Protein backbone atom coordinates (compact mmCIF):
# COMPACT_ATOMS: atom_id res chain seq x y z
CA UNK A 1 -33.98 -13.60 21.41
CA UNK A 2 -35.27 -15.37 18.32
CA UNK A 3 -32.38 -15.72 15.83
CA UNK A 4 -34.86 -15.51 12.94
CA UNK A 5 -35.09 -11.73 13.55
CA UNK A 6 -31.33 -11.40 13.33
CA UNK A 7 -31.06 -12.72 9.82
CA UNK A 8 -34.25 -11.05 8.50
CA UNK A 9 -33.40 -7.60 9.92
CA UNK A 10 -29.77 -7.86 8.64
CA UNK A 11 -30.91 -8.83 5.14
CA UNK A 12 -33.28 -5.83 5.04
CA UNK A 13 -30.53 -3.44 6.19
CA UNK A 14 -28.09 -4.66 3.69
CA UNK A 15 -30.69 -4.57 0.86
CA UNK A 16 -31.50 -0.87 1.77
CA UNK A 17 -27.87 0.02 1.99
CA UNK A 18 -27.16 -1.58 -1.47
CA UNK A 19 -29.97 0.44 -3.10
CA UNK A 20 -29.22 3.76 -1.30
CA UNK A 21 -25.59 3.99 -0.20
CA UNK A 22 -24.25 1.85 -3.00
CA UNK A 23 -26.00 3.92 -5.61
CA UNK A 24 -24.75 7.18 -3.98
CA UNK A 25 -21.17 5.80 -4.11
CA UNK A 26 -21.49 5.00 -7.76
CA UNK A 27 -22.76 8.52 -8.50
CA UNK A 28 -20.05 10.22 -6.48
CA UNK A 29 -17.33 8.28 -8.18
CA UNK A 30 -18.71 8.62 -11.73
CA UNK A 31 -19.33 5.03 -12.68
CA UNK A 32 -19.85 5.23 -16.49
CA UNK A 33 -21.75 2.21 -18.19
CA UNK A 34 -20.74 3.55 -21.65
CA UNK A 35 -17.06 3.51 -20.97
CA UNK A 36 -15.10 0.43 -22.23
CA UNK A 37 -13.43 -1.62 -19.61
CA UNK A 38 -9.88 -3.16 -19.66
CA UNK A 39 -11.47 -6.62 -20.39
CA UNK A 40 -12.44 -5.27 -23.83
CA UNK A 41 -9.53 -2.78 -24.52
CA UNK A 42 -6.74 -5.22 -23.42
CA UNK A 43 -8.46 -8.63 -24.04
CA UNK A 44 -5.60 -10.97 -24.13
CA UNK A 45 -7.51 -14.20 -23.77
CA UNK A 46 -5.58 -15.17 -20.64
CA UNK A 47 -6.12 -12.70 -17.81
CA UNK A 48 -8.20 -9.99 -19.48
CA UNK A 49 -11.40 -11.78 -20.58
CA UNK A 50 -14.86 -10.07 -20.32
CA UNK A 51 -17.35 -11.99 -18.19
CA UNK A 52 -21.07 -11.32 -17.81
CA UNK A 53 -22.11 -10.03 -14.42
CA UNK A 54 -23.46 -13.37 -12.96
CA UNK A 55 -20.31 -15.25 -13.96
CA UNK A 56 -18.02 -12.47 -12.63
CA UNK A 57 -20.07 -12.27 -9.37
CA UNK A 58 -19.62 -16.06 -9.02
CA UNK A 59 -15.81 -15.70 -9.35
CA UNK A 60 -15.46 -12.65 -7.14
CA UNK A 61 -17.86 -13.87 -4.44
CA UNK A 62 -16.39 -17.41 -4.27
CA UNK A 63 -12.85 -15.93 -4.17
CA UNK A 64 -13.42 -13.41 -1.29
CA UNK A 65 -15.71 -15.61 0.74
CA UNK A 66 -13.51 -18.64 1.34
CA UNK A 67 -13.67 -19.67 5.06
CA UNK A 68 -13.01 -16.19 6.42
CA UNK A 69 -16.55 -14.96 7.06
CA UNK A 70 -17.28 -18.27 8.77
CA UNK A 71 -14.21 -18.65 10.93
CA UNK A 72 -13.83 -14.97 11.97
CA UNK A 73 -17.34 -14.22 13.44
CA UNK A 74 -17.45 -17.57 15.24
CA UNK A 75 -14.03 -16.98 16.76
CA UNK A 76 -15.02 -13.44 17.75
CA UNK A 77 -18.16 -14.79 19.57
CA UNK A 78 -16.07 -14.83 22.80
CA UNK A 79 -17.03 -11.15 23.06
CA UNK A 80 -20.78 -11.88 22.73
CA UNK A 81 -23.09 -11.77 19.75
CA UNK A 82 -24.02 -8.07 19.92
CA UNK A 83 -20.54 -6.58 19.19
CA UNK A 84 -20.08 -9.09 16.44
CA UNK A 85 -23.41 -8.30 14.76
CA UNK A 86 -22.93 -4.57 15.05
CA UNK A 87 -19.49 -4.70 13.47
CA UNK A 88 -20.69 -7.03 10.64
CA UNK A 89 -23.55 -4.65 9.75
CA UNK A 90 -21.62 -1.32 10.27
CA UNK A 91 -18.34 -2.52 8.95
CA UNK A 92 -19.89 -4.31 5.92
CA UNK A 93 -21.88 -1.24 4.74
CA UNK A 94 -19.47 1.59 5.51
CA UNK A 95 -16.07 -0.12 5.54
CA UNK A 96 -15.83 -3.43 3.60
CA UNK A 97 -18.35 -2.59 1.02
CA UNK A 98 -16.76 0.83 0.28
CA UNK A 99 -13.31 -0.78 0.09
CA UNK A 100 -14.34 -3.68 -2.21
CA UNK A 101 -16.39 -1.40 -4.53
CA UNK A 102 -13.72 1.29 -4.60
CA UNK A 103 -10.78 -0.91 -5.18
CA UNK A 104 -12.55 -2.67 -8.04
CA UNK A 105 -13.66 0.57 -9.70
CA UNK A 106 -10.20 2.17 -9.16
CA UNK A 107 -8.55 -0.83 -10.81
CA UNK A 108 -10.81 -0.71 -13.74
CA UNK A 109 -9.94 2.98 -14.31
CA UNK A 110 -6.26 2.04 -14.12
CA UNK A 111 -6.37 -0.66 -16.83
CA UNK A 112 -7.07 -3.48 -14.52
CA UNK A 113 -3.93 -2.94 -12.56
CA UNK A 114 -3.45 -3.88 -8.87
CA UNK A 115 -3.61 -1.64 -5.85
CA UNK A 116 0.24 -1.49 -5.92
CA UNK A 117 0.12 0.02 -9.49
CA UNK A 118 -2.50 2.53 -8.48
CA UNK A 119 -0.19 3.57 -5.60
CA UNK A 120 2.72 4.15 -8.05
CA UNK A 121 0.49 6.38 -10.25
CA UNK A 122 -0.81 8.42 -7.31
CA UNK A 123 1.89 8.23 -4.63
CA UNK A 124 5.18 7.26 -6.38
CA UNK A 125 7.14 4.16 -7.37
CA UNK A 126 8.85 3.69 -4.02
CA UNK A 127 5.56 3.53 -2.14
CA UNK A 128 4.33 0.97 -4.78
CA UNK A 129 7.26 -1.25 -4.11
CA UNK A 130 6.73 -1.16 -0.34
CA UNK A 131 3.08 -2.06 -0.74
CA UNK A 132 3.75 -4.74 -3.32
CA UNK A 133 6.29 -6.50 -1.10
CA UNK A 134 3.90 -6.51 1.82
CA UNK A 135 1.00 -7.68 -0.28
CA UNK A 136 3.01 -10.44 -1.91
CA UNK A 137 4.27 -11.71 1.45
CA UNK A 138 0.71 -11.60 2.79
CA UNK A 139 -0.39 -13.67 -0.27
CA UNK A 140 2.18 -16.21 0.52
CA UNK A 141 0.55 -16.68 3.85
CA UNK A 142 -2.73 -17.04 2.18
CA UNK A 143 -1.38 -19.81 -0.09
CA UNK A 144 0.26 -21.58 2.90
CA UNK A 145 -2.82 -21.20 5.06
CA UNK A 146 -5.37 -22.33 2.47
CA UNK A 147 -3.17 -25.20 1.29
CA UNK A 148 -3.15 -26.58 4.69
CA UNK A 149 -6.97 -25.94 5.19
CA UNK A 150 -7.80 -27.68 2.01
CA UNK A 151 -5.33 -30.57 2.51
CA UNK A 152 -6.58 -31.17 6.10
CA UNK A 153 -10.16 -30.95 4.90
CA UNK A 154 -9.51 -33.47 2.16
CA UNK A 155 -7.88 -35.87 4.67
CA UNK A 156 -10.73 -35.66 7.24
CA UNK A 157 -13.53 -35.57 4.62
CA UNK A 158 -12.35 -37.68 1.66
CA UNK A 159 -15.68 -37.20 -0.12
CA UNK A 160 -14.86 -33.40 -0.37
CA UNK A 161 -11.61 -34.33 -2.15
CA UNK A 162 -13.23 -36.49 -4.81
CA UNK A 163 -16.01 -34.05 -5.35
CA UNK A 164 -13.51 -31.11 -5.71
CA UNK A 165 -11.50 -33.09 -8.33
CA UNK A 166 -14.67 -33.67 -10.28
CA UNK A 167 -15.65 -29.97 -9.97
CA UNK A 168 -12.42 -29.05 -11.78
CA UNK A 169 -13.13 -31.29 -14.78
CA UNK A 170 -16.77 -29.98 -14.83
CA UNK A 171 -15.43 -26.47 -14.77
CA UNK A 172 -13.07 -27.03 -17.79
CA UNK A 173 -16.05 -28.61 -19.75
CA UNK A 174 -18.29 -25.66 -18.84
CA UNK A 175 -15.67 -23.07 -19.92
CA UNK A 176 -15.02 -24.86 -23.18
CA UNK A 177 -18.56 -25.10 -24.21
CA UNK A 178 -19.61 -21.54 -23.23
CA UNK A 179 -16.49 -19.60 -24.35
CA UNK A 180 -15.37 -21.67 -27.27
CA UNK A 181 -18.56 -23.32 -28.63
CA UNK A 182 -20.95 -20.46 -27.85
CA UNK A 183 -23.35 -22.48 -25.68
CA UNK A 184 -26.07 -20.57 -23.95
CA UNK A 185 -24.97 -19.38 -20.43
CA UNK A 186 -28.45 -19.99 -19.19
CA UNK A 187 -28.76 -23.59 -20.36
CA UNK A 188 -25.21 -24.31 -19.55
CA UNK A 189 -25.78 -23.02 -15.97
CA UNK A 190 -28.75 -25.36 -15.49
CA UNK A 191 -26.84 -28.32 -16.74
CA UNK A 192 -23.73 -27.26 -14.81
CA UNK A 193 -25.54 -26.97 -11.55
CA UNK A 194 -27.14 -30.39 -12.04
CA UNK A 195 -23.76 -31.95 -12.70
CA UNK A 196 -22.28 -29.97 -9.83
CA UNK A 197 -24.58 -31.69 -7.37
CA UNK A 198 -23.95 -35.01 -9.21
CA UNK A 199 -20.26 -34.53 -8.40
CA UNK A 200 -21.19 -34.16 -4.78
CA UNK A 201 -23.14 -37.43 -4.84
CA UNK A 202 -20.32 -39.23 -6.70
CA UNK A 203 -17.82 -37.79 -4.21
CA UNK A 204 -19.70 -39.32 -1.34
CA UNK A 205 -19.88 -42.65 -3.26
CA UNK A 206 -16.17 -42.70 -4.11
CA UNK A 207 -14.16 -40.81 -1.48
CA UNK A 208 -10.52 -40.18 -2.30
CA UNK A 209 -8.23 -41.12 0.53
CA UNK A 210 -4.71 -39.75 0.47
CA UNK A 211 -2.24 -38.48 2.98
CA UNK A 212 -1.85 -34.81 3.97
CA UNK A 213 1.51 -34.35 2.39
CA UNK A 214 0.33 -35.96 -0.83
CA UNK A 215 -2.49 -33.59 -1.00
CA UNK A 216 -0.18 -30.62 -0.37
CA UNK A 217 1.91 -31.64 -3.38
CA UNK A 218 -1.11 -32.19 -5.59
CA UNK A 219 -2.64 -28.80 -4.48
CA UNK A 220 0.63 -27.04 -5.25
CA UNK A 221 0.68 -28.40 -8.70
CA UNK A 222 -2.95 -27.59 -9.23
CA UNK A 223 -2.61 -23.98 -8.23
CA UNK A 224 0.41 -23.60 -10.44
CA UNK A 225 -1.65 -24.68 -13.38
CA UNK A 226 -4.69 -22.65 -12.34
CA UNK A 227 -2.54 -19.50 -12.08
CA UNK A 228 -1.05 -19.68 -15.68
CA UNK A 229 -4.05 -21.00 -17.67
CA UNK A 230 -6.56 -18.58 -19.29
CA UNK A 231 -9.22 -17.58 -16.82
CA UNK A 232 -11.99 -18.69 -19.21
CA UNK A 233 -11.03 -22.35 -19.05
CA UNK A 234 -10.94 -22.80 -15.23
CA UNK A 235 -11.01 -19.76 -13.00
CA UNK A 236 -14.24 -18.18 -14.34
CA UNK A 237 -16.30 -21.30 -14.79
CA UNK A 238 -15.27 -23.11 -11.59
CA UNK A 239 -15.79 -20.07 -9.41
CA UNK A 240 -19.18 -19.37 -11.14
CA UNK A 241 -20.34 -22.96 -10.60
CA UNK A 242 -19.02 -23.14 -7.08
CA UNK A 243 -20.91 -19.90 -6.22
CA UNK A 244 -24.15 -21.93 -6.57
CA UNK A 245 -23.04 -24.11 -3.69
CA UNK A 246 -22.79 -21.02 -1.54
CA UNK A 247 -26.20 -19.66 -2.76
CA UNK A 248 -27.73 -23.04 -1.98
CA UNK A 249 -26.14 -23.06 1.37
CA UNK A 250 -27.25 -19.60 2.19
CA UNK A 251 -30.78 -20.36 1.08
CA UNK A 252 -30.90 -23.56 3.05
CA UNK A 253 -29.77 -21.73 6.17
CA UNK A 254 -32.25 -18.96 5.90
CA UNK A 255 -35.10 -21.45 5.23
CA UNK A 256 -33.96 -23.55 8.08
CA UNK A 257 -33.99 -20.50 10.46
CA UNK A 258 -37.57 -19.67 9.23
CA UNK A 259 -38.70 -23.18 10.21
CA UNK A 260 -36.64 -23.64 13.30
CA UNK A 261 -36.51 -20.13 14.83
CA UNK A 262 -33.96 -21.03 17.51
CA UNK A 263 -33.34 -18.79 20.49
CA UNK A 264 -30.02 -17.14 21.07
CA UNK A 265 -28.13 -18.82 23.95
CA UNK A 266 -24.81 -16.86 23.73
CA UNK A 267 -24.66 -13.81 26.05
CA UNK A 268 -25.27 -10.47 24.16
CA UNK A 269 -21.96 -9.09 25.61
CA UNK A 270 -19.39 -10.87 27.76
CA UNK A 271 -16.79 -8.15 28.36
CA UNK A 272 -14.00 -6.00 26.96
CA UNK A 273 -11.09 -8.19 28.24
CA UNK A 274 -11.14 -11.88 27.61
CA UNK A 275 -7.62 -12.24 29.08
CA UNK A 276 -4.17 -12.94 27.57
CA UNK A 277 -4.33 -9.62 25.66
CA UNK A 278 -7.58 -10.48 23.97
CA UNK A 279 -9.19 -7.05 24.20
CA UNK A 280 -12.44 -6.19 22.40
CA UNK A 281 -10.51 -3.23 20.91
CA UNK A 282 -8.79 -4.04 18.64
CA UNK A 283 -9.13 -7.88 18.54
CA UNK A 284 -12.81 -7.98 17.68
CA UNK A 285 -12.23 -6.07 14.42
CA UNK A 286 -9.15 -8.17 13.52
CA UNK A 287 -10.82 -11.42 14.26
CA UNK A 288 -14.13 -10.82 12.44
CA UNK A 289 -11.98 -9.87 9.45
CA UNK A 290 -13.67 -10.91 6.20
CA UNK A 291 -17.10 -10.71 7.68
CA UNK A 292 -16.88 -6.95 7.77
CA UNK A 293 -13.70 -5.87 5.94
CA UNK A 294 -10.63 -7.56 4.49
CA UNK A 295 -7.58 -6.37 2.66
CA UNK A 296 -7.50 -9.58 0.72
CA UNK A 297 -10.79 -8.43 -0.99
CA UNK A 298 -9.00 -5.33 -2.43
CA UNK A 299 -6.42 -7.65 -3.99
CA UNK A 300 -9.12 -9.83 -5.56
CA UNK A 301 -11.07 -6.92 -6.84
CA UNK A 302 -7.94 -5.17 -8.30
CA UNK A 303 -6.24 -8.36 -9.31
CA UNK A 304 -8.59 -10.76 -11.17
CA UNK A 305 -12.06 -9.23 -11.01
CA UNK A 306 -11.25 -5.97 -12.62
CA UNK A 307 -9.64 -7.74 -15.59
CA UNK A 308 -12.96 -9.57 -16.35
CA UNK A 309 -15.50 -6.81 -15.79
CA UNK A 310 -17.71 -6.47 -18.86
CA UNK A 311 -19.28 -3.16 -17.92
CA UNK A 312 -18.51 -0.53 -15.32
CA UNK A 313 -22.19 -0.68 -14.22
CA UNK A 314 -21.38 -4.19 -12.85
CA UNK A 315 -18.89 -2.79 -10.35
CA UNK A 316 -21.62 -1.91 -7.79
CA UNK A 317 -23.31 -5.36 -7.83
CA UNK A 318 -19.95 -7.35 -7.84
CA UNK A 319 -17.97 -5.12 -5.45
CA UNK A 320 -20.53 -3.64 -3.04
CA UNK A 321 -23.19 -6.26 -3.49
CA UNK A 322 -20.64 -9.14 -3.18
CA UNK A 323 -19.49 -7.76 0.10
CA UNK A 324 -22.97 -7.43 1.52
CA UNK A 325 -23.83 -11.01 0.58
CA UNK A 326 -20.68 -12.10 2.38
CA UNK A 327 -21.96 -10.14 5.45
CA UNK A 328 -25.14 -12.21 5.34
CA UNK A 329 -22.98 -15.38 5.46
CA UNK A 330 -21.12 -13.82 8.44
CA UNK A 331 -24.40 -13.18 10.24
CA UNK A 332 -25.44 -16.87 9.69
CA UNK A 333 -22.09 -17.89 11.02
CA UNK A 334 -22.48 -16.07 14.27
CA UNK A 335 -25.98 -17.42 14.63
CA UNK A 336 -24.58 -20.98 14.38
CA UNK A 337 -22.36 -20.16 17.40
CA UNK A 338 -24.97 -18.21 19.30
CA UNK A 339 -27.87 -20.58 19.19
CA UNK A 340 -26.10 -23.53 21.04
CA UNK A 341 -25.19 -23.67 24.72
CA UNK A 342 -21.74 -22.78 25.96
CA UNK A 343 -20.87 -26.50 26.54
CA UNK A 344 -22.16 -27.52 23.08
CA UNK A 345 -20.23 -24.77 21.46
CA UNK A 346 -16.97 -25.87 23.20
CA UNK A 347 -17.69 -29.46 22.21
CA UNK A 348 -18.18 -28.63 18.53
CA UNK A 349 -15.22 -26.15 18.37
CA UNK A 350 -13.01 -28.75 20.02
CA UNK A 351 -13.95 -31.40 17.49
CA UNK A 352 -13.25 -29.44 14.38
CA UNK A 353 -13.03 -25.70 15.08
CA UNK A 354 -15.34 -22.98 13.70
CA UNK A 355 -15.97 -24.81 10.45
CA UNK A 356 -17.39 -27.70 12.38
CA UNK A 357 -19.54 -25.30 14.44
CA UNK A 358 -20.91 -23.73 11.25
CA UNK A 359 -21.46 -27.06 9.45
CA UNK A 360 -23.21 -28.52 12.39
CA UNK A 361 -25.52 -25.47 12.81
CA UNK A 362 -26.49 -25.29 9.15
CA UNK A 363 -27.07 -29.08 9.16
CA UNK A 364 -29.44 -28.68 12.14
CA UNK A 365 -31.22 -25.78 10.50
CA UNK A 366 -31.80 -27.64 7.14
CA UNK A 367 -33.01 -30.76 9.00
CA UNK A 368 -36.05 -28.72 10.02
CA UNK A 369 -37.37 -28.65 6.47
CA UNK A 370 -36.64 -32.21 5.57
CA UNK A 371 -33.03 -32.40 4.71
CA UNK A 372 -31.32 -35.24 6.76
CA UNK A 373 -28.89 -33.74 9.31
CA UNK A 374 -25.98 -35.85 8.21
CA UNK A 375 -26.38 -34.94 4.54
CA UNK A 376 -26.83 -31.33 5.32
CA UNK A 377 -23.74 -31.07 7.42
CA UNK A 378 -21.74 -33.02 4.81
CA UNK A 379 -22.96 -30.66 2.08
CA UNK A 380 -21.88 -27.57 4.14
CA UNK A 381 -18.45 -29.11 4.75
CA UNK A 382 -18.08 -29.78 1.00
CA UNK A 383 -19.13 -26.14 0.17
CA UNK A 384 -16.65 -24.62 2.58
CA UNK A 385 -13.80 -26.77 1.23
CA UNK A 386 -14.82 -25.64 -2.32
CA UNK A 387 -14.56 -22.04 -1.34
CA UNK A 388 -11.20 -22.56 0.42
CA UNK A 389 -9.88 -24.00 -2.74
CA UNK A 390 -11.24 -21.08 -4.66
CA UNK A 391 -9.47 -18.64 -2.45
CA UNK A 392 -6.24 -20.71 -2.76
CA UNK A 393 -5.97 -20.57 -6.55
CA UNK A 394 -7.10 -16.94 -6.73
CA UNK A 395 -4.58 -15.93 -4.10
CA UNK A 396 -1.91 -17.73 -6.21
CA UNK A 397 -2.84 -15.81 -9.34
CA UNK A 398 -2.91 -12.58 -7.35
CA UNK A 399 0.58 -13.35 -6.01
CA UNK A 400 1.73 -13.92 -9.50
CA UNK A 401 0.33 -10.58 -10.76
CA UNK A 402 1.91 -8.65 -7.88
CA UNK A 403 5.30 -10.38 -8.32
CA UNK A 404 5.33 -9.66 -11.98
CA UNK A 405 4.49 -5.97 -11.33
CA UNK A 406 7.17 -5.80 -8.70
CA UNK A 407 9.86 -7.19 -10.93
CA UNK A 408 8.80 -5.38 -14.03
CA UNK A 409 9.93 -2.02 -15.41
CA UNK A 410 7.53 -0.49 -17.92
CA UNK A 411 10.32 1.83 -19.14
CA UNK A 412 12.32 -1.04 -20.60
CA UNK A 413 11.42 -3.03 -23.70
CA UNK A 414 13.07 -6.23 -22.43
CA UNK A 415 11.74 -7.38 -19.10
CA UNK A 416 13.37 -9.59 -16.48
CA UNK A 417 12.77 -13.29 -16.71
CA UNK A 418 11.08 -12.93 -13.28
CA UNK A 419 8.11 -11.22 -14.98
CA UNK A 420 7.36 -14.38 -16.94
CA UNK A 421 4.11 -15.75 -15.66
CA UNK A 422 5.47 -19.23 -15.36
CA UNK A 423 8.55 -18.15 -13.41
CA UNK A 424 6.50 -15.74 -11.19
CA UNK A 425 3.99 -18.45 -10.47
CA UNK A 426 6.73 -21.03 -9.69
CA UNK A 427 8.40 -18.72 -7.17
CA UNK A 428 5.03 -17.80 -5.53
CA UNK A 429 3.88 -21.48 -5.33
CA UNK A 430 7.33 -22.68 -4.20
CA UNK A 431 7.63 -20.22 -1.31
CA UNK A 432 3.98 -20.63 -0.38
CA UNK A 433 4.39 -24.39 -0.40
CA UNK A 434 7.53 -24.17 1.67
CA UNK A 435 5.63 -22.21 4.35
CA UNK A 436 2.75 -24.71 4.08
CA UNK A 437 4.93 -27.71 4.97
CA UNK A 438 7.49 -25.83 7.04
CA UNK A 439 7.28 -22.99 9.46
CA UNK A 440 4.29 -20.99 8.43
CA UNK A 441 2.46 -21.51 11.68
CA UNK A 442 5.18 -19.49 13.50
CA UNK A 443 4.16 -16.32 11.75
CA UNK A 444 0.40 -17.08 11.39
CA UNK A 445 -0.76 -15.00 14.38
CA UNK A 446 0.26 -11.81 12.55
CA UNK A 447 -1.89 -12.71 9.56
CA UNK A 448 -5.06 -11.11 10.91
CA UNK A 449 -3.42 -7.86 11.53
CA UNK A 450 -1.61 -7.92 8.24
CA UNK A 451 -4.88 -8.56 6.42
CA UNK A 452 -6.55 -5.52 8.14
CA UNK A 453 -3.44 -3.32 7.39
CA UNK A 454 -4.01 -4.24 3.71
CA UNK A 455 -7.55 -2.89 4.09
CA UNK A 456 -6.35 0.38 5.59
CA UNK A 457 -3.68 0.76 2.85
CA UNK A 458 -6.35 0.13 0.16
CA UNK A 459 -8.68 2.62 1.65
CA UNK A 460 -5.89 5.19 1.69
CA UNK A 461 -4.85 4.49 -1.87
CA UNK A 462 -8.43 4.85 -3.31
CA UNK A 463 -8.88 8.08 -1.28
CA UNK A 464 -5.70 9.59 -2.80
CA UNK A 465 -6.79 8.55 -6.34
CA UNK A 466 -10.20 10.00 -5.93
CA UNK A 467 -8.65 13.23 -4.54
CA UNK A 468 -6.35 13.45 -7.48
CA UNK A 469 -9.20 12.84 -9.83
CA UNK A 470 -11.24 15.69 -8.28
CA UNK A 471 -13.88 13.40 -6.83
CA UNK A 472 -15.46 12.98 -3.37
CA UNK A 473 -13.31 10.84 -1.14
CA UNK A 474 -14.73 11.73 2.23
CA UNK A 475 -16.41 8.34 2.69
CA UNK A 476 -12.88 6.82 3.00
CA UNK A 477 -11.62 9.03 5.85
CA UNK A 478 -13.21 7.51 8.87
CA UNK A 479 -12.74 3.83 7.74
CA UNK A 480 -9.25 4.50 6.78
CA UNK A 481 -8.25 6.18 10.14
CA UNK A 482 -10.13 3.56 12.13
CA UNK A 483 -8.49 0.52 10.46
CA UNK A 484 -4.98 2.07 10.89
CA UNK A 485 -5.73 2.55 14.51
CA UNK A 486 -7.01 -0.97 14.88
CA UNK A 487 -3.95 -2.43 13.16
CA UNK A 488 -1.36 -0.35 15.00
CA UNK A 489 -2.92 -1.26 18.44
CA UNK A 490 -3.27 -4.92 17.46
CA UNK A 491 0.40 -5.12 16.18
CA UNK A 492 1.53 -3.37 19.41
CA UNK A 493 -0.26 -6.03 21.57
CA UNK A 494 1.19 -8.75 19.44
CA UNK A 495 4.77 -7.30 19.98
CA UNK A 496 4.23 -6.99 23.70
CA UNK A 497 2.94 -10.57 24.02
CA UNK A 498 5.74 -12.12 22.01
CA UNK A 499 8.43 -10.03 23.78
CA UNK A 500 7.27 -11.62 27.00
CA UNK A 501 7.60 -15.14 25.59
CA UNK A 502 10.90 -14.37 23.79
CA UNK A 503 9.53 -15.22 20.32
CA UNK A 504 11.79 -12.97 18.35
CA UNK A 505 10.35 -13.89 14.97
CA UNK A 506 6.97 -12.78 15.98
CA UNK A 507 8.38 -9.53 17.20
CA UNK A 508 10.36 -8.59 14.04
CA UNK A 509 7.36 -9.14 11.59
CA UNK A 510 4.91 -6.79 13.46
CA UNK A 511 7.63 -4.22 13.87
CA UNK A 512 8.30 -4.35 10.14
CA UNK A 513 4.58 -4.05 9.40
CA UNK A 514 4.18 -0.98 11.65
CA UNK A 515 7.13 0.70 9.93
CA UNK A 516 5.61 -0.05 6.61
CA UNK A 517 2.20 1.33 7.77
CA UNK A 518 3.86 4.43 9.08
CA UNK A 519 5.80 5.24 5.91
CA UNK A 520 2.83 4.62 3.61
CA UNK A 521 0.44 6.54 5.97
CA UNK A 522 2.78 9.56 5.94
CA UNK A 523 3.05 9.49 2.11
CA UNK A 524 -0.70 9.15 1.81
CA UNK A 525 -1.40 12.05 4.25
CA UNK A 526 1.00 14.30 2.17
CA UNK A 527 -0.82 13.28 -1.00
CA UNK A 528 -4.23 13.98 0.59
CA UNK A 529 -3.19 17.38 1.91
CA UNK A 530 -1.18 18.73 -0.95
CA UNK A 531 -2.76 21.37 -3.30
CA UNK A 532 -5.06 19.79 -5.78
CA UNK A 533 -3.61 18.94 -9.21
CA UNK A 534 -6.66 17.24 -10.81
CA UNK A 535 -5.78 14.38 -13.14
CA UNK A 536 -8.99 12.71 -14.10
CA UNK A 537 -8.63 9.15 -15.37
C-alpha cells in the first residue's frame, strides 16, 4: 500500500472531525466567547497571563507533543500498522480530543484550576487529595524520564544541546519585546523563526559537549527557574517558537511523502499475542499513548494552558485541534516504521530506539525534495529534543501547581510554607532529579498504565462536572469505561508478570494504582447516578 494515502486520508478525516464533532462538542458544553477567562479576571503576571490563540497553541502543542506520539506508535508497530492507525484515528477523535478539549474548558470554568481542584468541587476533598497525590507522583516520573531523555540526547547530539541553550535566550528576548515593549507579534514571529533556525545552524557549528550527569544537574537547575518565572518571559515564547520547529517538521514529512510515496513494508496485522504478556488488548492502547489519548494532556490543559487562554472560543482550536495535529504526527511516526523492511527497522531501533527510526524516516522523506539526508535527520533530532525539553519544564510547573494545591487550605488565611512556589518547585525538582539519577527505571514500566489511568480519571471528572452543570456528558461514557478497562487489565498483567519475577516494587505500585482507580471510579459512579442538583458554573 502507498503510504501517501495513509497521511492524506488521515488529515482529511481529522479536518472533518474538527469542523463537525469539535463544533458539536463546543455547542453541547456551552462555550461562550463573551465570557471573561481566568487569564483576564485573575491576571497575576506570573501564571495567569492572557496569550493570543497562536501563541497558546504553540505552548500547548509543544507541551503535549514531546516524544510521546513518536515513540508510542513506533513501539506499537509490533502489532502491525492497521491496529495502530485505527486507534490513532478513532482514539484521537473520540477519546483524546474529547479529553483534551473537555479538561481545558472545565479548567477555564473553574478559574484555571487543575483536574484535582475540579474533583474537589464536584466529588469532594478526599477524592481530590487521592487524585492529586497520584498525579503528582506521575509528574515526578515525567520529570525523571524527560530529564534522562534530554540529557542523553544532548550527550549523543551535542549540536542539539547548544541549539537548545540558544533557544532559551532567544525566547527570553522574544517575550521581553512582545510583552513588555509591545512589539508586533507578527513581525516578532518572523524574526524569531529566522533566529530560531540560526540557532540550529550555530548549534551545529559549535556543539556543546558535556557529560550526562553534568547535563542532568544543569537541566534540574533550568526547570527550577522555568517553573517559578512568569510564563510570559520563557514558557510562552519558547514553546511558541519551538512549535514552528514541529510545524516545519510536519510539513517536511508530508511534502516528502508526496514526492517519495513509499510503499508499506510492515504487515497490516501480526497477531493478538506477541509473547511475554504483550497482548494487543490492552497493550496496544497503553503503548500508543499520546498518539491517541494521554492523561498528561489533561494536566497540561488544566494546569498551564487554561491560565493563559484569552477567549473561550480558543478552547476548541487549542484543545481539540491540538490533539488532532498530534494525531497527524503519530500517523507520520507509524509510517516511518512501516515503510522500511523488518531488518532495517530492527537496525534503526537498535541504534537509537524509536526516535532514531523516526528521525531517519523523516530525513529520507525530506531528501526526496532536495534536503540533504544528513541535514534532515539532524534537524528532526534537534526538533524532538526541543519538544522533550518543553514537556520537561511544563511537567515541572504542573507538578508545582498540584503540590501547592495539595498542601494548601483555602479556608485558612495563612498557608503552609509548602505552598510557596519556590519551595513546591524545589521539592518537585529534587525528588524528580533523585529518580532521574537513581532508581526511576525500576518503576518506569508502570508509567504507561499510570498515564492512561490519568486519562480515565480526567474523563470521569469532566463527565461529573458536566452532569452537575446540567449539560450533555454522554460523549464521555464510552471513552471513560474503555480506558478504565484498558488500565485495569494492563495493571493486572503487570502485577502477574512481576510476581513471577519476584519484583515486589513493581507489584506494589500497580496494586496501589488499581486501588486508587477503584475508589475514584466508585465515587464518580455515585456522582453520575445521584439525583440531579444542577449547579451551573
